[in-house]
Amino acid sequence: MKLLTQVLVVLGLYYSTAVGLESFPAEPFGLIDGQINSTINGLLANLSDPFEIEDLSATFDSELLTGSFGINDLTLLGVKKIAASKIDVNLLGLALNMTISVPKLILNSKYNADLALADLLPLYGDGRASVTLEGFDIIVGGKLNITGGLGLSNVSILTTLDDANFDLHGMLNNEEFSLLVSEALNDNFVDFLNENEQVIGGYLSAIAQAAINGILGKSAASDTLDEILEVVNRGLYPHVTIARTKAL
């Protein structure tokens, strides 16, 4: 009976683990956690901080939004601080829950837009944009697939955000309008995101599932920007297409 109890305790530790990204047991417990941890760390290790992208373009074709949007000289600061602050794996239930924490992310870019909202409201402009996000958490849940490689299905996404600041220029080629939009976003964006996390998460889940499985399915060292964009486009298809317009 004592031996049986010890076996059950060991199995319980193995099948239900909860570890942080920065450290996890070197023992056989938490092997799935460790693989995810290593993959994320390897991906981040290959990114510079600030992370720079010369040019990206997006084409939208849906009932809500149509047109094109281009980004030039994009710079992201704070990518090295991104971490999975919590990874919970339950192999008995084949379930994974993970929290990706973004302490502070600063985006600076030039942009040009030629869009229409619901085929009625024109959204165009050409200028600079700066966005700062603080205390941004992405909570990922899904069914764990461990046959034929590590992956997730039935992914769900929730997001929470502490603070955001927008500094936009060139919207509708009008600086006064750009200032009004920036102020409106600064006053309302965080509350909107947090109050509608279920709806927003529903739109992001398919994208997140494609991106996560693409990243987990290969070594981080082989992940180029083009490969990441390919994975993201599979999640966005057929409504949005993102591409690099110039080679880095």
Protein backbone atom coordinates (compact mmCIF):
# COMPACT_ATOMS: atom_id res chain seq x y z
CA MET A 1 0.00 0.00 0.00
CA LYS A 2 2.83 2.40 0.83
CA LEU A 3 4.46 1.67 -2.54
CA LEU A 4 1.16 2.23 -4.34
CA THR A 5 0.72 5.58 -2.57
CA GLN A 6 4.21 6.69 -3.61
CA VAL A 7 3.50 5.73 -7.23
CA LEU A 8 0.25 7.71 -7.22
CA VAL A 9 2.01 10.77 -5.79
CA VAL A 10 4.68 10.62 -8.50
CA LEU A 11 2.04 10.24 -11.21
CA GLY A 12 0.08 13.14 -9.78
CA LEU A 13 3.15 15.36 -9.92
CA TYR A 14 3.86 14.33 -13.48
CA TYR A 15 0.32 14.72 -14.82
CA SER A 16 -0.48 18.04 -13.18
CA THR A 17 2.39 20.52 -13.26
CA ALA A 18 2.50 24.29 -12.93
CA VAL A 19 5.83 26.00 -13.46
CA GLY A 20 7.08 29.45 -14.42
CA LEU A 21 9.03 30.08 -17.58
CA GLU A 22 12.21 31.21 -15.89
CA SER A 23 12.80 27.96 -14.02
CA PHE A 24 11.37 24.46 -14.18
CA PRO A 25 12.44 21.14 -12.65
CA ALA A 26 15.24 19.28 -14.40
CA GLU A 27 13.60 16.01 -13.30
CA PRO A 28 11.32 14.06 -15.68
CA PHE A 29 8.36 16.04 -14.27
CA GLY A 30 7.24 18.93 -16.48
CA LEU A 31 8.79 17.70 -19.72
CA ILE A 32 6.03 19.30 -21.82
CA ASP A 33 6.41 22.55 -19.89
CA GLY A 34 10.12 22.43 -20.50
CA GLN A 35 9.75 21.92 -24.24
CA ILE A 36 7.37 24.88 -24.53
CA ASN A 37 9.66 26.93 -22.31
CA SER A 38 12.71 26.15 -24.45
CA THR A 39 10.86 26.89 -27.69
CA ILE A 40 9.65 30.30 -26.52
CA ASN A 41 13.04 31.23 -25.08
CA GLY A 42 14.76 30.09 -28.27
CA LEU A 43 12.44 32.20 -30.41
CA LEU A 44 12.97 35.30 -28.27
CA ALA A 45 16.73 34.74 -28.21
CA ASN A 46 16.79 35.11 -32.00
CA LEU A 47 15.02 38.48 -31.89
CA SER A 48 16.88 41.74 -31.45
CA ASP A 49 15.60 44.39 -29.05
CA PRO A 50 14.60 46.75 -30.51
CA PHE A 51 13.18 44.47 -33.19
CA GLU A 52 13.00 46.19 -36.57
CA ILE A 53 10.99 45.38 -39.69
CA GLU A 54 11.54 47.48 -42.77
CA ASP A 55 8.18 47.09 -44.51
CA LEU A 56 4.93 45.18 -44.02
CA SER A 57 1.67 45.41 -45.92
CA ALA A 58 -1.78 44.05 -45.07
CA THR A 59 -4.74 43.55 -47.39
CA PHE A 60 -8.25 43.33 -45.86
CA ASP A 61 -11.25 41.73 -47.57
CA SER A 62 -14.19 41.24 -45.21
CA GLU A 63 -17.64 42.71 -44.60
CA LEU A 64 -16.20 44.85 -41.81
CA LEU A 65 -13.01 46.14 -43.42
CA THR A 66 -11.64 46.37 -46.95
CA GLY A 67 -8.54 47.97 -48.44
CA SER A 68 -4.84 48.05 -47.69
CA PHE A 69 -2.59 49.14 -44.86
CA GLY A 70 1.19 49.55 -45.04
CA ILE A 71 3.81 49.88 -42.30
CA ASN A 72 7.32 51.25 -42.85
CA ASP A 73 10.32 51.29 -40.52
CA LEU A 74 8.55 49.40 -37.73
CA THR A 75 10.43 49.27 -34.43
CA LEU A 76 9.36 47.19 -31.42
CA LEU A 77 11.02 47.80 -28.05
CA GLY A 78 10.54 45.41 -25.13
CA VAL A 79 10.37 42.07 -26.96
CA LYS A 80 13.11 40.56 -24.77
CA LYS A 81 10.91 41.03 -21.70
CA ILE A 82 8.09 38.93 -23.12
CA ALA A 83 7.78 35.67 -21.14
CA ALA A 84 5.37 32.85 -20.36
CA SER A 85 4.82 33.72 -16.72
CA LYS A 86 2.80 30.57 -16.14
CA ILE A 87 2.50 27.21 -17.92
CA ASP A 88 0.01 24.64 -16.60
CA VAL A 89 -0.05 21.19 -18.21
CA ASN A 90 -2.49 18.41 -17.31
CA LEU A 91 -1.73 15.30 -19.31
CA LEU A 92 -4.66 13.35 -17.86
CA GLY A 93 -7.05 15.92 -19.30
CA LEU A 94 -4.80 16.73 -22.26
CA ALA A 95 -5.14 20.40 -21.36
CA LEU A 96 -2.73 23.33 -21.40
CA ASN A 97 -3.14 26.81 -19.95
CA MET A 98 -0.43 29.41 -20.44
CA THR A 99 -0.09 33.10 -19.63
CA ILE A 100 2.19 35.17 -21.87
CA SER A 101 3.16 38.41 -20.14
CA VAL A 102 4.27 41.53 -21.96
CA PRO A 103 5.46 44.01 -19.29
CA LYS A 104 5.94 46.92 -21.71
CA LEU A 105 5.96 47.05 -25.50
CA ILE A 106 6.62 50.22 -27.51
CA LEU A 107 5.78 50.33 -31.23
CA ASN A 108 7.02 53.12 -33.49
CA SER A 109 6.29 53.18 -37.21
CA LYS A 110 5.35 55.08 -40.32
CA TYR A 111 2.09 53.98 -41.93
CA ASN A 112 -0.14 54.54 -44.94
CA ALA A 113 -3.77 53.48 -45.04
CA ASP A 114 -6.45 53.23 -47.71
CA LEU A 115 -9.31 51.44 -45.99
CA ALA A 116 -13.10 51.45 -45.83
CA LEU A 117 -15.11 50.43 -42.78
CA ALA A 118 -18.21 48.44 -43.73
CA ASP A 119 -17.82 49.87 -47.28
CA LEU A 120 -19.15 53.16 -45.93
CA LEU A 121 -16.59 55.02 -43.80
CA PRO A 122 -13.24 55.87 -45.42
CA LEU A 123 -10.16 55.37 -43.25
CA TYR A 124 -7.08 56.75 -44.93
CA GLY A 125 -3.92 58.54 -43.96
CA ASP A 126 -0.16 58.74 -44.13
CA GLY A 127 2.00 59.56 -41.10
CA ARG A 128 3.71 58.30 -37.98
CA ALA A 129 2.29 56.23 -35.15
CA SER A 130 3.56 55.38 -31.68
CA VAL A 131 1.80 52.91 -29.38
CA THR A 132 2.84 51.87 -25.87
CA LEU A 133 1.25 48.89 -24.11
CA GLU A 134 1.91 48.11 -20.45
CA GLY A 135 0.86 45.11 -18.38
CA PHE A 136 -0.43 43.15 -21.36
CA ASP A 137 -1.27 39.50 -20.58
CA ILE A 138 -2.37 36.90 -23.12
CA ILE A 139 -4.02 33.84 -21.54
CA VAL A 140 -3.97 30.79 -23.82
CA GLY A 141 -5.98 27.62 -23.25
CA GLY A 142 -6.29 24.57 -25.44
CA LYS A 143 -6.32 20.83 -25.91
CA LEU A 144 -2.84 19.35 -25.88
CA ASN A 145 -1.78 17.14 -28.80
CA ILE A 146 1.31 15.04 -28.11
CA THR A 147 1.14 12.51 -30.94
CA GLY A 148 3.14 13.33 -34.05
CA GLY A 149 4.72 16.33 -32.36
CA LEU A 150 3.60 18.90 -29.82
CA GLY A 151 0.60 21.07 -30.70
CA LEU A 152 -2.67 22.62 -29.55
CA SER A 153 -6.26 22.44 -30.75
CA ASN A 154 -9.48 24.16 -29.62
CA VAL A 155 -7.41 27.16 -28.60
CA SER A 156 -9.08 29.97 -26.65
CA ILE A 157 -7.58 33.40 -25.98
CA LEU A 158 -8.22 36.00 -23.29
CA THR A 159 -6.35 39.30 -23.02
CA THR A 160 -5.96 41.85 -20.24
CA LEU A 161 -4.22 45.23 -20.43
CA ASP A 162 -3.23 47.71 -17.70
CA ASP A 163 -2.39 50.79 -19.75
CA ALA A 164 -2.03 52.03 -23.34
CA ASN A 165 -0.88 55.23 -24.97
CA PHE A 166 -1.44 56.24 -28.60
CA ASP A 167 0.27 59.06 -30.50
CA LEU A 168 -1.07 59.07 -34.07
CA HIS A 169 -0.40 61.51 -36.91
CA GLY A 170 -1.67 61.85 -40.48
CA MET A 171 -5.10 60.23 -40.07
CA LEU A 172 -7.38 61.52 -42.84
CA ASN A 173 -4.37 63.78 -43.51
CA ASN A 174 -5.63 65.96 -40.65
CA GLU A 175 -3.58 66.59 -37.49
CA GLU A 176 -6.53 67.85 -35.43
CA PHE A 177 -8.47 64.70 -36.25
CA SER A 178 -5.41 62.57 -35.44
CA LEU A 179 -5.14 64.24 -32.03
CA LEU A 180 -8.81 63.59 -31.29
CA VAL A 181 -8.47 59.91 -32.24
CA SER A 182 -5.33 59.55 -30.10
CA GLU A 183 -7.09 61.07 -27.10
CA ALA A 184 -10.17 58.90 -27.62
CA LEU A 185 -8.03 55.75 -27.76
CA ASN A 186 -6.05 56.81 -24.68
CA ASP A 187 -9.31 57.31 -22.76
CA ASN A 188 -11.21 54.23 -23.92
CA PHE A 189 -8.99 51.53 -25.48
CA VAL A 190 -8.00 49.72 -22.26
CA ASP A 191 -11.59 49.55 -20.96
CA PHE A 192 -12.86 48.43 -24.36
CA LEU A 193 -10.27 45.65 -24.59
CA ASN A 194 -10.84 44.38 -21.06
CA GLU A 195 -14.64 44.59 -21.21
CA ASN A 196 -14.82 42.73 -24.54
CA GLU A 197 -12.07 40.17 -23.96
CA GLN A 198 -14.38 37.24 -24.76
CA VAL A 199 -15.45 38.66 -28.13
CA ILE A 200 -11.94 39.79 -29.06
CA GLY A 201 -10.52 36.46 -27.94
CA GLY A 202 -12.95 34.67 -30.23
CA TYR A 203 -11.54 36.51 -33.24
CA LEU A 204 -7.94 35.90 -32.16
CA SER A 205 -8.23 32.20 -31.28
CA ALA A 206 -7.83 30.78 -34.80
CA ILE A 207 -4.87 33.09 -35.47
CA ALA A 208 -3.25 32.16 -32.17
CA GLN A 209 -3.72 28.42 -32.78
CA ALA A 210 -2.05 28.61 -36.20
CA ALA A 211 0.80 30.74 -34.85
CA ILE A 212 1.43 28.60 -31.75
CA ASN A 213 1.41 25.33 -33.68
CA GLY A 214 3.68 26.80 -36.32
CA ILE A 215 6.18 27.87 -33.68
CA LEU A 216 6.01 24.62 -31.68
CA GLY A 217 6.31 22.53 -34.84
CA LYS A 218 9.83 23.66 -35.71
CA SER A 219 13.00 24.66 -33.97
CA ALA A 220 13.10 28.31 -32.95
CA ALA A 221 16.39 28.74 -34.77
CA SER A 222 14.68 28.15 -38.11
CA ASP A 223 11.89 30.67 -37.52
CA THR A 224 12.36 33.51 -39.97
CA LEU A 225 10.00 36.44 -40.30
CA ASP A 226 8.67 35.02 -43.58
CA GLU A 227 7.85 31.70 -41.89
CA ILE A 228 6.09 33.44 -39.01
CA LEU A 229 4.04 35.52 -41.47
CA GLU A 230 3.09 32.37 -43.35
CA VAL A 231 1.78 30.83 -40.13
CA VAL A 232 -0.15 33.97 -39.18
CA ASN A 233 -1.67 34.23 -42.67
CA ARG A 234 -3.06 30.71 -42.36
CA GLY A 235 -4.98 31.86 -39.29
CA LEU A 236 -6.18 35.06 -40.97
CA TYR A 237 -7.17 33.51 -44.33
CA PRO A 238 -9.23 34.50 -46.30
CA HIS A 239 -10.02 37.90 -44.78
CA VAL A 240 -6.52 39.31 -44.20
CA THR A 241 -3.16 38.82 -45.91
CA ILE A 242 0.11 40.18 -44.48
CA ALA A 243 3.33 40.33 -46.47
CA ARG A 244 6.76 41.92 -46.46
CA THR A 245 7.07 44.42 -49.26
CA LYS A 246 10.87 44.54 -49.10
CA ALA A 247 13.57 42.09 -48.05
CA LEU A 248 15.32 42.82 -44.77
